C-alpha atoms as a PDB file:
ATOM      1  CA  MET A   1       0.209   0.092   0.166  1.00  0.00           C
ATOM      2  CA  THR A   2       0.312   3.470  -0.536  1.00  0.00           C
ATOM      3  CA  THR A   3      -0.808   7.026  -0.106  1.00  0.00           C
ATOM      4  CA  GLU A   4      -1.758   9.146  -2.226  1.00  0.00           C
ATOM      5  CA  ALA A   5       1.404  11.997  -0.311  1.00  0.00           C
ATOM      6  CA  VAL A   6       4.011   9.476  -1.099  1.00  0.00           C
ATOM      7  CA  VAL A   7       2.606   8.850  -5.440  1.00  0.00           C
ATOM      8  CA  THR A   8       2.689  12.370  -5.533  1.00  0.00           C
ATOM      9  CA  GLU A   9       6.219  12.240  -4.742  1.00  0.00           C
ATOM     10  CA  ALA A  10       7.264   9.682  -6.893  1.00  0.00           C
ATOM     11  CA  GLU A  11       5.590  11.813 -10.150  1.00  0.00           C
ATOM     12  CA  TYR A  12       7.020  14.807  -8.875  1.00  0.00           C
ATOM     13  CA  LEU A  13      10.258  12.440  -9.378  1.00  0.00           C
ATOM     14  CA  LEU A  14      10.012  10.643 -12.642  1.00  0.00           C
ATOM     15  CA  ASP A  15       9.343  14.584 -13.608  1.00  0.00           C
ATOM     16  CA  PHE A  16      12.132  14.118 -16.151  1.00  0.00           C
ATOM     17  CA  SER A  17       9.587  11.689 -18.125  1.00  0.00           C
ATOM     18  CA  SER A  18       6.009  12.010 -18.789  1.00  0.00           C
ATOM     19  CA  GLU A  19       5.733   8.035 -20.197  1.00  0.00           C
ATOM     20  CA  ALA A  20       7.309   7.115 -16.724  1.00  0.00           C
ATOM     21  CA  GLN A  21       4.904   8.720 -15.194  1.00  0.00           C
ATOM     22  CA  ALA A  22       1.732   7.796 -17.538  1.00  0.00           C
ATOM     23  CA  ALA A  23       3.306   4.028 -15.902  1.00  0.00           C
ATOM     24  CA  LEU A  24       3.267   4.853 -12.138  1.00  0.00           C
ATOM     25  CA  MET A  25      -0.804   5.378 -13.054  1.00  0.00           C
ATOM     26  CA  HIS A  26      -0.799   2.182 -14.959  1.00  0.00           C
ATOM     27  CA  VAL A  27       0.662   0.153 -12.158  1.00  0.00           C
ATOM     28  CA  LEU A  28      -1.319   3.002  -9.565  1.00  0.00           C
ATOM     29  CA  ALA A  29      -5.089   1.714 -11.796  1.00  0.00           C
ATOM     30  CA  SER A  30      -4.298  -1.901 -11.048  1.00  0.00           C
ATOM     31  CA  GLY A  31      -5.013  -1.919  -7.495  1.00  0.00           C
ATOM     32  CA  ARG A  32      -1.321  -2.924  -6.613  1.00  0.00           C
ATOM     33  CA  PRO A  33       0.245  -0.859  -4.455  1.00  0.00           C
ATOM     34  CA  ARG A  34      -3.271   0.356  -3.000  1.00  0.00           C
ATOM     35  CA  VAL A  35      -3.531   3.784  -2.140  1.00  0.00           C
ATOM     36  CA  GLU A  36      -4.740   4.133   1.584  1.00  0.00           C
ATOM     37  CA  ALA A  37      -6.398   6.720   1.863  1.00  0.00           C
ATOM     38  CA  ILE A  38      -6.093   9.607   5.004  1.00  0.00           C
ATOM     39  CA  ALA A  39      -8.972  11.102   6.558  1.00  0.00           C
ATOM     40  CA  ALA A  40      -9.040  14.613   8.022  1.00  0.00           C
ATOM     41  CA  THR A  41      -9.415  12.334  11.253  1.00  0.00           C
ATOM     42  CA  ASP A  42      -6.303  11.980  10.416  1.00  0.00           C
ATOM     43  CA  ARG A  43      -4.924  14.912  10.628  1.00  0.00           C
ATOM     44  CA  LYS A  44      -3.748  15.114  14.072  1.00  0.00           C
ATOM     45  CA  ARG A  45      -1.882  11.953  14.419  1.00  0.00           C
ATOM     46  CA  LEU A  46       0.056  13.108  11.137  1.00  0.00           C
ATOM     47  CA  ALA A  47       0.801  16.191  13.775  1.00  0.00           C
ATOM     48  CA  GLU A  48       1.950  14.766  16.669  1.00  0.00           C
ATOM     49  CA  LEU A  49       4.275  12.224  14.237  1.00  0.00           C
ATOM     50  CA  MET A  50       5.417  14.922  12.585  1.00  0.00           C
ATOM     51  CA  GLY A  51       6.012  16.787  15.623  1.00  0.00           C
ATOM     52  CA  ARG A  52       7.670  13.677  17.299  1.00  0.00           C
ATOM     53  CA  TYR A  53       9.994  13.365  14.415  1.00  0.00           C
ATOM     54  CA  ALA A  54      10.225  17.327  14.288  1.00  0.00           C
ATOM     55  CA  ASP A  55      14.994  16.562  14.858  1.00  0.00           C
ATOM     56  CA  LEU A  56      14.886  14.434  10.771  1.00  0.00           C
ATOM     57  CA  PRO A  57      12.478  16.733  10.207  1.00  0.00           C
ATOM     58  CA  MET A  58       9.630  14.445   8.951  1.00  0.00           C
ATOM     59  CA  ASP A  59       7.652  15.445   5.870  1.00  0.00           C
ATOM     60  CA  TYR A  60       3.319  14.855   5.406  1.00  0.00           C
ATOM     61  CA  ALA A  61       3.838  11.598   3.255  1.00  0.00           C
ATOM     62  CA  ASP A  62       6.596  10.312   5.427  1.00  0.00           C
ATOM     63  CA  ALA A  63       3.927  10.561   8.093  1.00  0.00           C
ATOM     64  CA  THR A  64       1.277   9.269   6.051  1.00  0.00           C
ATOM     65  CA  LEU A  65       2.848   6.106   5.557  1.00  0.00           C
ATOM     66  CA  VAL A  66       4.330   5.582   9.186  1.00  0.00           C
ATOM     67  CA  LEU A  67      -0.179   6.238   9.840  1.00  0.00           C
ATOM     68  CA  VAL A  68      -0.555   3.516   7.714  1.00  0.00           C
ATOM     69  CA  ALA A  69       1.065   1.021   9.222  1.00  0.00           C
ATOM     70  CA  GLU A  70       0.330   1.842  12.430  1.00  0.00           C
ATOM     71  CA  ARG A  71      -3.947   1.060  11.702  1.00  0.00           C
ATOM     72  CA  LEU A  72      -2.275  -1.494   9.153  1.00  0.00           C
ATOM     73  CA  GLY A  73       0.359  -3.002  11.682  1.00  0.00           C
ATOM     74  CA  ALA A  74       2.761  -3.282   8.732  1.00  0.00           C
ATOM     75  CA  MET A  75       6.089  -3.231   9.075  1.00  0.00           C
ATOM     76  CA  ARG A  76       7.898  -3.925   5.170  1.00  0.00           C
ATOM     77  CA  VAL A  77       8.307  -0.082   3.660  1.00  0.00           C
ATOM     78  CA  PHE A  78       9.953  -0.181   0.137  1.00  0.00           C
ATOM     79  CA  THR A  79      12.024   3.113   0.554  1.00  0.00           C
ATOM     80  CA  LEU A  80      14.673   5.263  -0.439  1.00  0.00           C
ATOM     81  CA  ASP A  81      15.160   7.370   2.409  1.00  0.00           C
ATOM     82  CA  ARG A  82      16.343   4.542   4.513  1.00  0.00           C
ATOM     83  CA  ARG A  83      17.717   6.985   6.822  1.00  0.00           C
ATOM     84  CA  ASP A  84      14.705   8.189   8.564  1.00  0.00           C
ATOM     85  CA  PHE A  85      12.761   5.315   8.151  1.00  0.00           C
ATOM     86  CA  GLY A  86      15.343   3.633  10.121  1.00  0.00           C
ATOM     87  CA  VAL A  87      14.424   6.063  12.848  1.00  0.00           C
ATOM     88  CA  TYR A  88      10.277   6.061  12.771  1.00  0.00           C
ATOM     89  CA  ARG A  89       8.590   3.547  15.130  1.00  0.00           C
ATOM     90  CA  VAL A  90       5.359   1.393  15.245  1.00  0.00           C
ATOM     91  CA  GLY A  91       4.878   1.663  19.267  1.00  0.00           C
ATOM     92  CA  ARG A  92       8.588   0.688  19.511  1.00  0.00           C
ATOM     93  CA  LYS A  93       8.942  -1.961  16.344  1.00  0.00           C
ATOM     94  CA  ARG A  94      11.007  -0.755  14.144  1.00  0.00           C
ATOM     95  CA  PHE A  95      10.396  -0.916  10.304  1.00  0.00           C
ATOM     96  CA  GLU A  96      11.880  -3.206   7.898  1.00  0.00           C
ATOM     97  CA  ILE A  97      13.195  -1.847   4.725  1.00  0.00           C
ATOM     98  CA  VAL A  98      13.143  -3.168   1.485  1.00  0.00           C
ATOM     99  CA  GLY A  99      14.638  -2.066  -1.846  1.00  0.00           C
END
């Protein structure tokens, strides 16, 4: 799973190629990975997470992933951001970083 915030970041990183951006949209249209919704009621928790990791600082996209990991109990993450995800926790558990 992923979030719209992460999709936005990925599209930005792929801005060198409209074909690559379109390919990402085709992958997401397949439903795998699922794009998990962030509700208005999640905003308080996002602010708490961003405050907790302000020294990194945690950006919004990362906060949405940590929030959804908390919600789903998911501890494996594919990321290029090994440094920050090496610090983030769900409870006391570390993420298993793949990629």
